[in-house]
């Protein structure tokens, strides 16, 4: 009798757990589909676009050249006030340069990038400054940044995908639980 009782209790618990799981699924946050992760080698650089474990998106542009590991990234996350960008330079002694920044030029930090070549020049200047701080010569810097503009153009395309995906996620959160017909039903009759 005990084994049968135990089996019945387990079946009931499994049923209740299944009902609770289904109820939880019905209340889950409806996020838009995630864009696929992408990775591409461009002119000696690795360009990556991938999901982060916290729900954000990150675009990385990396290159190993000589003693230097060079990285540019832009990160998108629904809880940030906009995308964050950064550079870092590493050498055998560790990190030797880099910085992080957020777009703040006109207040519309979530807008599309309209001047990709201009943005590439700005990021390149940050990388040049960081490599200089790391003790790289002009010749080393030139060689280390070869192909950067072509790779940055791909990273900018990936960044636009990340920006749009993040904005869609923010929109889904803002509109969660709203009755889509509420606004239509509340407008005055004409």
N, C-alpha and C. Protein backbone atom coordinates (compact mmCIF):
# COMPACT_ATOMS: atom_id res chain seq x y z
N UNK A 1 0.82 -1.19 0.00
CA UNK A 1 0.00 0.00 0.00
C UNK A 1 0.87 1.26 0.00
N UNK A 2 1.94 1.29 0.76
CA UNK A 2 2.79 2.49 0.82
C UNK A 2 3.37 2.86 -0.54
N UNK A 3 3.92 1.88 -1.35
CA UNK A 3 4.46 2.27 -2.64
C UNK A 3 3.39 2.89 -3.55
N UNK A 4 2.18 2.35 -3.50
CA UNK A 4 1.12 2.89 -4.34
C UNK A 4 0.76 4.30 -3.88
N UNK A 5 0.70 4.53 -2.58
CA UNK A 5 0.39 5.85 -2.03
C UNK A 5 1.48 6.84 -2.46
N UNK A 6 2.73 6.42 -2.33
CA UNK A 6 3.84 7.29 -2.71
C UNK A 6 3.77 7.63 -4.20
N UNK A 7 3.46 6.68 -5.04
CA UNK A 7 3.35 6.93 -6.48
C UNK A 7 2.21 7.90 -6.76
N UNK A 8 1.08 7.74 -6.07
CA UNK A 8 -0.05 8.65 -6.26
C UNK A 8 0.29 10.05 -5.83
N UNK A 9 1.01 10.20 -4.72
CA UNK A 9 1.41 11.52 -4.23
C UNK A 9 2.38 12.16 -5.22
N UNK A 10 3.33 11.38 -5.72
CA UNK A 10 4.27 11.91 -6.70
C UNK A 10 3.56 12.35 -7.97
N UNK A 11 2.57 11.56 -8.42
CA UNK A 11 1.82 11.93 -9.62
C UNK A 11 1.05 13.22 -9.38
N UNK A 12 0.43 13.34 -8.20
CA UNK A 12 -0.31 14.55 -7.87
C UNK A 12 0.63 15.76 -7.79
N UNK A 13 1.78 15.57 -7.16
CA UNK A 13 2.76 16.66 -7.07
C UNK A 13 3.25 17.05 -8.46
N UNK A 14 3.50 16.06 -9.32
CA UNK A 14 3.96 16.36 -10.68
C UNK A 14 2.87 17.11 -11.44
N UNK A 15 1.59 16.70 -11.24
CA UNK A 15 0.49 17.40 -11.91
C UNK A 15 0.39 18.83 -11.42
N UNK A 16 0.47 19.01 -10.11
CA UNK A 16 0.39 20.36 -9.56
C UNK A 16 1.56 21.20 -10.04
N UNK A 17 2.75 20.60 -10.06
CA UNK A 17 3.92 21.32 -10.55
C UNK A 17 3.76 21.70 -12.01
N UNK A 18 3.20 20.79 -12.80
CA UNK A 18 2.97 21.08 -14.21
C UNK A 18 1.98 22.22 -14.39
N UNK A 19 0.91 22.22 -13.57
CA UNK A 19 -0.08 23.31 -13.65
C UNK A 19 0.57 24.63 -13.24
N UNK A 20 1.36 24.60 -12.16
CA UNK A 20 2.05 25.83 -11.73
C UNK A 20 3.03 26.29 -12.79
N UNK A 21 3.75 25.36 -13.42
CA UNK A 21 4.70 25.72 -14.47
C UNK A 21 3.95 26.36 -15.64
N UNK A 22 2.82 25.76 -16.05
CA UNK A 22 2.04 26.33 -17.14
C UNK A 22 1.49 27.70 -16.76
N UNK A 23 1.04 27.86 -15.52
CA UNK A 23 0.55 29.17 -15.08
C UNK A 23 1.67 30.19 -15.12
N UNK A 24 2.86 29.77 -14.70
CA UNK A 24 4.01 30.67 -14.77
C UNK A 24 4.34 31.04 -16.20
N UNK A 25 4.20 30.11 -17.11
CA UNK A 25 4.48 30.39 -18.52
C UNK A 25 3.47 31.40 -19.06
N UNK A 26 2.22 31.32 -18.60
CA UNK A 26 1.21 32.26 -19.07
C UNK A 26 1.51 33.68 -18.59
N UNK A 27 2.23 33.80 -17.47
CA UNK A 27 2.54 35.12 -16.93
C UNK A 27 3.93 35.60 -17.33
N UNK A 28 4.65 34.81 -18.08
CA UNK A 28 6.03 35.17 -18.44
C UNK A 28 6.05 36.42 -19.31
N UNK A 29 7.12 37.17 -19.19
CA UNK A 29 7.29 38.39 -19.98
C UNK A 29 7.41 38.04 -21.46
N UNK A 30 6.58 38.59 -22.32
CA UNK A 30 6.66 38.28 -23.75
C UNK A 30 7.69 39.16 -24.46
N UNK A 31 8.91 38.66 -24.60
CA UNK A 31 9.95 39.41 -25.30
C UNK A 31 9.93 39.07 -26.78
N UNK A 32 10.34 40.02 -27.62
CA UNK A 32 10.45 39.72 -29.05
C UNK A 32 11.57 38.70 -29.27
N UNK A 33 11.57 38.03 -30.41
CA UNK A 33 12.63 37.05 -30.68
C UNK A 33 14.00 37.72 -30.71
N UNK A 34 14.98 37.00 -30.19
CA UNK A 34 16.36 37.50 -30.17
C UNK A 34 17.00 37.35 -31.55
N UNK A 35 17.78 38.34 -31.97
CA UNK A 35 18.54 38.13 -33.20
C UNK A 35 19.60 37.05 -32.98
N UNK A 36 19.98 36.35 -34.01
CA UNK A 36 20.99 35.29 -33.84
C UNK A 36 22.37 35.88 -33.54
N UNK A 37 23.15 35.13 -32.78
CA UNK A 37 24.54 35.52 -32.57
C UNK A 37 25.27 35.42 -33.90
N UNK A 38 26.23 36.31 -34.11
CA UNK A 38 26.99 36.32 -35.35
C UNK A 38 28.47 36.53 -35.04
N UNK A 39 29.30 35.95 -35.89
CA UNK A 39 30.75 36.07 -35.74
C UNK A 39 31.35 36.09 -37.14
N UNK A 40 32.26 37.03 -37.37
CA UNK A 40 32.84 37.13 -38.70
C UNK A 40 34.25 37.70 -38.62
N UNK A 41 35.17 37.13 -39.39
CA UNK A 41 36.53 37.66 -39.50
C UNK A 41 36.55 38.65 -40.66
N UNK A 42 37.07 39.86 -40.37
CA UNK A 42 37.12 40.92 -41.39
C UNK A 42 38.48 41.60 -41.30
N UNK A 43 39.27 41.50 -42.34
CA UNK A 43 40.55 42.21 -42.44
C UNK A 43 41.44 42.04 -41.21
N UNK A 44 41.50 40.81 -40.70
CA UNK A 44 42.36 40.54 -39.55
C UNK A 44 41.73 40.83 -38.20
N UNK A 45 40.47 41.23 -38.18
CA UNK A 45 39.73 41.52 -36.95
C UNK A 45 38.63 40.48 -36.80
N UNK A 46 38.26 40.17 -35.56
CA UNK A 46 37.11 39.32 -35.29
C UNK A 46 35.96 40.24 -34.85
N UNK A 47 34.84 40.15 -35.56
CA UNK A 47 33.66 40.96 -35.25
C UNK A 47 32.59 40.01 -34.73
N UNK A 48 32.09 40.27 -33.52
CA UNK A 48 31.10 39.39 -32.89
C UNK A 48 29.88 40.18 -32.45
N UNK A 49 28.73 39.55 -32.54
CA UNK A 49 27.48 40.10 -32.03
C UNK A 49 26.81 38.95 -31.30
N UNK A 50 26.62 39.10 -29.99
CA UNK A 50 26.05 37.99 -29.24
C UNK A 50 25.23 38.46 -28.05
N UNK A 51 24.37 37.55 -27.61
CA UNK A 51 23.55 37.80 -26.43
C UNK A 51 24.41 37.62 -25.19
N UNK A 52 24.14 38.43 -24.18
CA UNK A 52 24.80 38.26 -22.89
C UNK A 52 23.83 37.56 -21.95
N UNK A 53 24.35 36.98 -20.89
CA UNK A 53 23.52 36.19 -19.99
C UNK A 53 22.45 37.03 -19.29
N UNK A 54 22.63 38.33 -19.18
CA UNK A 54 21.64 39.18 -18.49
C UNK A 54 20.57 39.71 -19.43
N UNK A 55 20.57 39.27 -20.67
CA UNK A 55 19.57 39.73 -21.62
C UNK A 55 20.06 40.83 -22.53
N UNK A 56 21.25 41.33 -22.32
CA UNK A 56 21.78 42.38 -23.17
C UNK A 56 22.39 41.83 -24.44
N UNK A 57 22.88 42.72 -25.27
CA UNK A 57 23.57 42.37 -26.50
C UNK A 57 24.92 43.06 -26.49
N UNK A 58 25.95 42.42 -26.99
CA UNK A 58 27.26 43.04 -27.07
C UNK A 58 27.86 42.81 -28.45
N UNK A 59 28.48 43.84 -28.95
CA UNK A 59 29.20 43.76 -30.22
C UNK A 59 30.66 44.00 -29.89
N UNK A 60 31.53 43.08 -30.31
CA UNK A 60 32.97 43.19 -30.05
C UNK A 60 33.73 43.19 -31.35
N UNK A 61 34.77 43.99 -31.36
CA UNK A 61 35.70 44.05 -32.48
C UNK A 61 37.07 43.83 -31.84
N UNK A 62 37.71 42.70 -32.11
CA UNK A 62 38.98 42.38 -31.46
C UNK A 62 40.03 41.98 -32.48
N UNK A 63 41.28 42.22 -32.06
CA UNK A 63 42.42 41.84 -32.89
C UNK A 63 43.63 41.62 -31.97
N UNK A 64 44.32 40.54 -32.23
CA UNK A 64 45.60 40.32 -31.57
C UNK A 64 46.67 40.68 -32.59
N UNK A 65 47.57 41.58 -32.19
CA UNK A 65 48.65 41.99 -33.09
C UNK A 65 49.91 42.19 -32.26
N UNK A 66 50.94 41.44 -32.61
CA UNK A 66 52.19 41.53 -31.84
C UNK A 66 51.91 41.22 -30.38
N UNK A 67 52.33 42.11 -29.49
CA UNK A 67 52.11 41.93 -28.06
C UNK A 67 50.77 42.50 -27.58
N UNK A 68 49.95 42.99 -28.48
CA UNK A 68 48.74 43.70 -28.07
C UNK A 68 47.47 42.92 -28.40
N UNK A 69 46.52 42.96 -27.47
CA UNK A 69 45.17 42.50 -27.70
C UNK A 69 44.30 43.76 -27.68
N UNK A 70 43.69 44.06 -28.81
CA UNK A 70 42.94 45.31 -29.00
C UNK A 70 41.46 44.97 -29.05
N UNK A 71 40.65 45.74 -28.32
CA UNK A 71 39.21 45.50 -28.33
C UNK A 71 38.43 46.80 -28.34
N UNK A 72 37.38 46.81 -29.14
CA UNK A 72 36.34 47.84 -29.09
C UNK A 72 35.04 47.09 -28.86
N UNK A 73 34.17 47.62 -28.03
CA UNK A 73 32.87 46.98 -27.85
C UNK A 73 31.78 48.03 -27.68
N UNK A 74 30.57 47.63 -27.98
CA UNK A 74 29.39 48.44 -27.68
C UNK A 74 28.37 47.48 -27.09
N UNK A 75 27.82 47.86 -25.93
CA UNK A 75 26.91 47.00 -25.20
C UNK A 75 25.53 47.65 -25.11
N UNK A 76 24.51 46.84 -25.35
CA UNK A 76 23.13 47.28 -25.28
C UNK A 76 22.43 46.48 -24.19
N UNK A 77 21.68 47.15 -23.34
CA UNK A 77 20.89 46.46 -22.32
C UNK A 77 19.69 47.32 -21.99
N UNK A 78 18.57 46.68 -21.82
CA UNK A 78 17.30 47.40 -21.61
C UNK A 78 17.30 48.27 -20.36
N UNK A 79 18.13 47.98 -19.38
CA UNK A 79 18.15 48.76 -18.15
C UNK A 79 19.11 49.93 -18.18
N UNK A 80 19.89 50.06 -19.24
CA UNK A 80 20.83 51.18 -19.34
C UNK A 80 20.13 52.38 -19.95
N UNK A 81 20.71 53.54 -19.73
CA UNK A 81 20.14 54.76 -20.30
C UNK A 81 20.58 54.95 -21.75
N UNK A 82 21.23 53.98 -22.31
CA UNK A 82 21.69 54.00 -23.70
C UNK A 82 22.81 53.01 -23.86
N UNK A 83 23.33 52.86 -25.08
CA UNK A 83 24.44 51.93 -25.29
C UNK A 83 25.74 52.46 -24.67
N UNK A 84 26.55 51.54 -24.18
CA UNK A 84 27.87 51.87 -23.65
C UNK A 84 28.91 51.33 -24.60
N UNK A 85 29.91 52.12 -24.89
CA UNK A 85 31.01 51.71 -25.75
C UNK A 85 32.30 51.75 -24.96
N UNK A 86 33.28 51.02 -25.43
CA UNK A 86 34.56 51.05 -24.75
C UNK A 86 35.66 50.45 -25.59
N UNK A 87 36.87 50.77 -25.20
CA UNK A 87 38.06 50.18 -25.81
C UNK A 87 38.92 49.62 -24.70
N UNK A 88 39.72 48.65 -25.05
CA UNK A 88 40.72 48.16 -24.10
C UNK A 88 41.90 47.63 -24.89
N UNK A 89 43.06 47.81 -24.30
CA UNK A 89 44.30 47.32 -24.89
C UNK A 89 44.98 46.49 -23.81
N UNK A 90 45.37 45.30 -24.19
CA UNK A 90 46.11 44.45 -23.27
C UNK A 90 47.45 44.09 -23.88
N UNK A 91 48.42 43.88 -23.00
CA UNK A 91 49.73 43.40 -23.44
C UNK A 91 50.17 42.33 -22.45
N UNK A 92 51.35 41.74 -22.60
CA UNK A 92 51.74 40.66 -21.69
C UNK A 92 51.74 41.06 -20.21
N UNK A 93 51.87 42.35 -19.91
CA UNK A 93 51.86 42.79 -18.52
C UNK A 93 50.44 42.99 -17.98
N UNK A 94 49.44 42.95 -18.83
CA UNK A 94 48.04 43.15 -18.40
C UNK A 94 47.39 44.26 -19.22
N UNK A 95 46.41 44.90 -18.63
CA UNK A 95 45.72 45.98 -19.31
C UNK A 95 46.58 47.24 -19.26
N UNK A 96 46.72 47.89 -20.40
CA UNK A 96 47.57 49.08 -20.42
C UNK A 96 46.86 50.30 -20.99
N UNK A 97 45.61 50.19 -21.38
CA UNK A 97 44.91 51.36 -21.90
C UNK A 97 43.48 51.02 -22.24
N UNK A 98 42.68 52.06 -22.37
CA UNK A 98 41.29 51.88 -22.75
C UNK A 98 40.39 52.80 -21.95
N UNK A 99 39.14 52.88 -22.37
CA UNK A 99 38.16 53.69 -21.67
C UNK A 99 36.76 53.25 -22.06
N UNK A 100 35.77 53.76 -21.33
CA UNK A 100 34.36 53.47 -21.59
C UNK A 100 33.63 54.79 -21.69
N UNK A 101 32.64 54.85 -22.58
CA UNK A 101 31.86 56.07 -22.73
C UNK A 101 30.45 55.73 -23.17
N UNK A 102 29.58 56.71 -23.02
CA UNK A 102 28.19 56.60 -23.47
C UNK A 102 27.87 57.81 -24.32
N UNK A 103 27.12 57.60 -25.37
CA UNK A 103 26.73 58.69 -26.26
C UNK A 103 25.91 59.71 -25.46
N UNK A 104 26.29 60.96 -25.55
CA UNK A 104 25.57 62.00 -24.81
C UNK A 104 25.54 63.33 -25.56
N UNK A 105 25.81 63.29 -26.85
CA UNK A 105 25.97 64.53 -27.61
C UNK A 105 24.68 65.33 -27.79
N UNK A 106 23.54 64.68 -27.98
CA UNK A 106 22.32 65.46 -28.19
C UNK A 106 21.13 64.93 -27.41
N UNK A 107 21.37 64.03 -26.48
CA UNK A 107 20.29 63.52 -25.66
C UNK A 107 19.58 62.31 -26.23
N UNK A 108 19.61 62.08 -27.52
CA UNK A 108 18.94 60.93 -28.12
C UNK A 108 19.94 59.79 -28.26
N UNK A 109 20.26 59.16 -27.13
CA UNK A 109 21.32 58.14 -27.12
C UNK A 109 20.92 56.85 -27.84
N UNK A 110 19.63 56.64 -28.07
CA UNK A 110 19.18 55.41 -28.70
C UNK A 110 19.00 55.56 -30.21
N UNK A 111 19.37 56.71 -30.77
CA UNK A 111 19.18 56.92 -32.21
C UNK A 111 20.15 56.05 -33.02
N UNK A 112 19.82 55.86 -34.28
CA UNK A 112 20.70 55.10 -35.19
C UNK A 112 21.96 55.91 -35.46
N UNK A 113 23.06 55.23 -35.69
CA UNK A 113 24.31 55.90 -36.06
C UNK A 113 24.21 56.28 -37.53
N UNK A 114 24.32 57.57 -37.82
CA UNK A 114 24.18 58.02 -39.20
C UNK A 114 25.53 58.34 -39.85
N UNK A 115 26.58 58.44 -39.04
CA UNK A 115 27.90 58.76 -39.57
C UNK A 115 28.90 57.68 -39.16
N UNK A 116 28.77 56.51 -39.79
CA UNK A 116 29.65 55.38 -39.44
C UNK A 116 31.12 55.71 -39.68
N UNK A 117 31.50 56.34 -40.81
CA UNK A 117 32.92 56.70 -40.98
C UNK A 117 33.41 57.66 -39.90
N UNK A 118 32.58 58.62 -39.51
CA UNK A 118 32.96 59.56 -38.45
C UNK A 118 33.12 58.86 -37.11
N UNK A 119 32.21 57.93 -36.82
CA UNK A 119 32.30 57.15 -35.58
C UNK A 119 33.55 56.28 -35.60
N UNK A 120 33.86 55.69 -36.75
CA UNK A 120 35.07 54.86 -36.88
C UNK A 120 36.31 55.70 -36.60
N UNK A 121 36.35 56.93 -37.12
CA UNK A 121 37.51 57.82 -36.86
C UNK A 121 37.63 58.13 -35.36
N UNK A 122 36.49 58.36 -34.70
CA UNK A 122 36.52 58.67 -33.27
C UNK A 122 37.02 57.46 -32.46
N UNK A 123 36.55 56.27 -32.79
CA UNK A 123 36.99 55.07 -32.07
C UNK A 123 38.46 54.80 -32.37
N UNK A 124 38.86 54.96 -33.63
CA UNK A 124 40.26 54.78 -34.00
C UNK A 124 41.14 55.73 -33.19
N UNK A 125 40.72 56.99 -33.04
CA UNK A 125 41.51 57.96 -32.26
C UNK A 125 41.66 57.50 -30.81
N UNK A 126 40.61 56.93 -30.24
CA UNK A 126 40.70 56.41 -28.86
C UNK A 126 41.69 55.25 -28.79
N UNK A 127 41.65 54.38 -29.80
CA UNK A 127 42.58 53.25 -29.83
C UNK A 127 44.01 53.72 -30.00
N UNK A 128 44.22 54.71 -30.87
CA UNK A 128 45.56 55.26 -31.06
C UNK A 128 46.07 55.83 -29.74
N UNK A 129 45.23 56.58 -29.05
CA UNK A 129 45.62 57.17 -27.76
C UNK A 129 45.98 56.08 -26.75
N UNK A 130 45.16 55.04 -26.69
CA UNK A 130 45.43 53.94 -25.75
C UNK A 130 46.70 53.19 -26.10
N UNK A 131 46.91 52.91 -27.39
CA UNK A 131 48.13 52.22 -27.80
C UNK A 131 49.36 53.08 -27.51
N UNK A 132 49.23 54.39 -27.67
CA UNK A 132 50.33 55.30 -27.33
C UNK A 132 50.64 55.21 -25.84
N UNK A 133 49.60 55.19 -25.01
CA UNK A 133 49.79 55.05 -23.56
C UNK A 133 50.47 53.74 -23.21
N UNK A 134 50.27 52.73 -24.05
CA UNK A 134 50.88 51.42 -23.82
C UNK A 134 52.31 51.34 -24.34
N UNK A 135 52.79 52.43 -24.96
CA UNK A 135 54.17 52.46 -25.43
C UNK A 135 54.37 52.00 -26.86
N UNK A 136 53.29 51.85 -27.63
CA UNK A 136 53.43 51.42 -29.02
C UNK A 136 53.97 52.57 -29.88
N UNK A 137 54.82 52.22 -30.83
CA UNK A 137 55.35 53.23 -31.76
C UNK A 137 54.30 53.53 -32.82
N UNK A 138 54.52 54.60 -33.59
CA UNK A 138 53.59 54.95 -34.68
C UNK A 138 53.48 53.80 -35.67
N UNK A 139 54.59 53.18 -36.01
CA UNK A 139 54.57 52.06 -36.96
C UNK A 139 53.78 50.88 -36.38
N UNK A 140 53.97 50.58 -35.08
CA UNK A 140 53.22 49.49 -34.45
C UNK A 140 51.72 49.80 -34.43
N UNK A 141 51.39 51.05 -34.15
CA UNK A 141 49.98 51.45 -34.11
C UNK A 141 49.35 51.31 -35.48
N UNK A 142 50.04 51.79 -36.51
CA UNK A 142 49.52 51.66 -37.87
C UNK A 142 49.29 50.22 -38.26
N UNK A 143 50.24 49.36 -37.96
CA UNK A 143 50.11 47.94 -38.29
C UNK A 143 49.01 47.28 -37.46
N UNK A 144 48.91 47.65 -36.19
CA UNK A 144 47.91 47.05 -35.30
C UNK A 144 46.49 47.41 -35.72
N UNK A 145 46.32 48.60 -36.27
CA UNK A 145 44.97 49.05 -36.65
C UNK A 145 44.65 48.85 -38.13
N UNK A 146 45.51 48.15 -38.85
CA UNK A 146 45.24 47.86 -40.26
C UNK A 146 43.91 47.12 -40.39
N UNK A 147 43.10 47.52 -41.36
CA UNK A 147 41.81 46.87 -41.60
C UNK A 147 40.70 47.31 -40.66
N UNK A 148 41.00 48.22 -39.74
CA UNK A 148 40.01 48.63 -38.73
C UNK A 148 38.73 49.18 -39.36
N UNK A 149 38.85 50.05 -40.35
CA UNK A 149 37.66 50.70 -40.92
C UNK A 149 36.70 49.68 -41.54
N UNK A 150 37.22 48.69 -42.25
CA UNK A 150 36.36 47.65 -42.83
C UNK A 150 35.67 46.84 -41.74
N UNK A 151 36.43 46.47 -40.73
CA UNK A 151 35.85 45.69 -39.63
C UNK A 151 34.84 46.52 -38.84
N UNK A 152 35.13 47.81 -38.64
CA UNK A 152 34.22 48.68 -37.90
C UNK A 152 32.89 48.81 -38.63
N UNK A 153 32.91 48.83 -39.95
CA UNK A 153 31.66 48.93 -40.73
C UNK A 153 30.76 47.72 -40.45
N UNK A 154 31.34 46.53 -40.35
CA UNK A 154 30.56 45.33 -40.02
C UNK A 154 30.05 45.43 -38.58
N UNK A 155 30.92 45.87 -37.66
CA UNK A 155 30.50 46.04 -36.27
C UNK A 155 29.34 47.04 -36.17
N UNK A 156 29.38 48.10 -36.98
CA UNK A 156 28.29 49.09 -36.97
C UNK A 156 26.98 48.46 -37.45
N UNK A 157 27.06 47.58 -38.44
CA UNK A 157 25.85 46.88 -38.89
C UNK A 157 25.30 46.00 -37.76
N UNK A 158 26.18 45.27 -37.09
CA UNK A 158 25.76 44.44 -35.96
C UNK A 158 25.20 45.31 -34.83
N UNK A 159 25.80 46.47 -34.61
CA UNK A 159 25.33 47.37 -33.55
C UNK A 159 23.91 47.85 -33.83
N UNK A 160 23.60 48.07 -35.08
CA UNK A 160 22.23 48.50 -35.42
C UNK A 160 21.24 47.38 -35.11
N UNK A 161 21.60 46.14 -35.37
CA UNK A 161 20.75 45.01 -35.03
C UNK A 161 20.57 44.96 -33.50
N UNK A 162 21.66 45.13 -32.75
CA UNK A 162 21.59 45.13 -31.29
C UNK A 162 20.75 46.27 -30.76
N UNK A 163 20.88 47.44 -31.36
CA UNK A 163 20.10 48.61 -30.94
C UNK A 163 18.61 48.36 -31.15
N UNK A 164 18.24 47.88 -32.33
CA UNK A 164 16.83 47.63 -32.63
C UNK A 164 16.25 46.53 -31.74
N UNK A 165 17.02 45.48 -31.48
CA UNK A 165 16.55 44.40 -30.62
C UNK A 165 16.33 44.91 -29.20
N UNK A 166 17.22 45.76 -28.72
CA UNK A 166 17.08 46.31 -27.36
C UNK A 166 15.88 47.24 -27.28
N UNK A 167 15.68 48.06 -28.29
CA UNK A 167 14.51 48.95 -28.29
C UNK A 167 13.22 48.15 -28.34
N UNK A 168 13.18 47.06 -29.08
CA UNK A 168 11.99 46.20 -29.13
C UNK A 168 11.73 45.57 -27.76
N UNK A 169 12.79 45.19 -27.08
CA UNK A 169 12.65 44.61 -25.75
C UNK A 169 12.13 45.65 -24.76
N UNK A 170 12.66 46.86 -24.83
CA UNK A 170 12.19 47.95 -23.96
C UNK A 170 10.71 48.20 -24.22
N UNK A 171 10.32 48.24 -25.48
CA UNK A 171 8.91 48.46 -25.85
C UNK A 171 8.03 47.35 -25.29
N UNK A 172 8.48 46.10 -25.36
CA UNK A 172 7.70 44.98 -24.83
C UNK A 172 7.52 45.13 -23.33
N UNK A 173 8.54 45.58 -22.63
CA UNK A 173 8.44 45.77 -21.18
C UNK A 173 7.47 46.91 -20.86
N UNK A 174 7.60 48.01 -21.57
CA UNK A 174 6.73 49.17 -21.33
C UNK A 174 5.27 48.79 -21.57
N UNK A 175 5.01 48.00 -22.59
CA UNK A 175 3.64 47.66 -22.95
C UNK A 175 3.12 46.39 -22.30
N UNK A 176 3.91 45.73 -21.47
CA UNK A 176 3.49 44.48 -20.84
C UNK A 176 2.25 44.70 -19.98
N UNK A 177 1.25 43.89 -20.22
CA UNK A 177 0.04 43.96 -19.42
C UNK A 177 -0.99 44.96 -19.92
N UNK A 178 -0.61 45.78 -20.87
CA UNK A 178 -1.58 46.74 -21.41
C UNK A 178 -2.58 46.02 -22.30
N UNK A 179 -3.80 46.49 -22.24
CA UNK A 179 -4.83 45.99 -23.13
C UNK A 179 -4.66 46.74 -24.44
N UNK A 180 -4.27 46.07 -25.53
CA UNK A 180 -4.01 46.78 -26.78
C UNK A 180 -5.25 47.51 -27.30
N UNK A 181 -6.44 47.10 -26.89
CA UNK A 181 -7.64 47.78 -27.35
C UNK A 181 -8.08 48.90 -26.43
N UNK A 182 -7.38 49.08 -25.30
CA UNK A 182 -7.80 50.10 -24.32
C UNK A 182 -7.80 51.49 -24.90
N UNK A 183 -6.73 51.85 -25.64
CA UNK A 183 -6.68 53.19 -26.22
C UNK A 183 -7.76 53.37 -27.27
N UNK A 184 -8.00 52.33 -28.06
CA UNK A 184 -9.02 52.43 -29.10
C UNK A 184 -10.41 52.57 -28.49
N UNK A 185 -10.64 51.84 -27.36
CA UNK A 185 -11.94 51.89 -26.71
C UNK A 185 -12.16 53.17 -25.92
N UNK A 186 -11.07 53.87 -25.54
CA UNK A 186 -11.22 55.07 -24.74
C UNK A 186 -11.29 56.35 -25.56
N UNK A 187 -11.09 56.26 -26.89
CA UNK A 187 -11.15 57.47 -27.68
C UNK A 187 -12.61 57.89 -27.87
N UNK A 188 -12.82 59.21 -27.90
CA UNK A 188 -14.19 59.71 -28.03
C UNK A 188 -14.80 59.30 -29.36
N UNK A 189 -16.10 59.03 -29.31
CA UNK A 189 -16.82 58.65 -30.53
C UNK A 189 -16.90 59.84 -31.46
N UNK A 190 -16.85 59.57 -32.74
CA UNK A 190 -16.90 60.68 -33.71
C UNK A 190 -18.18 60.67 -34.46
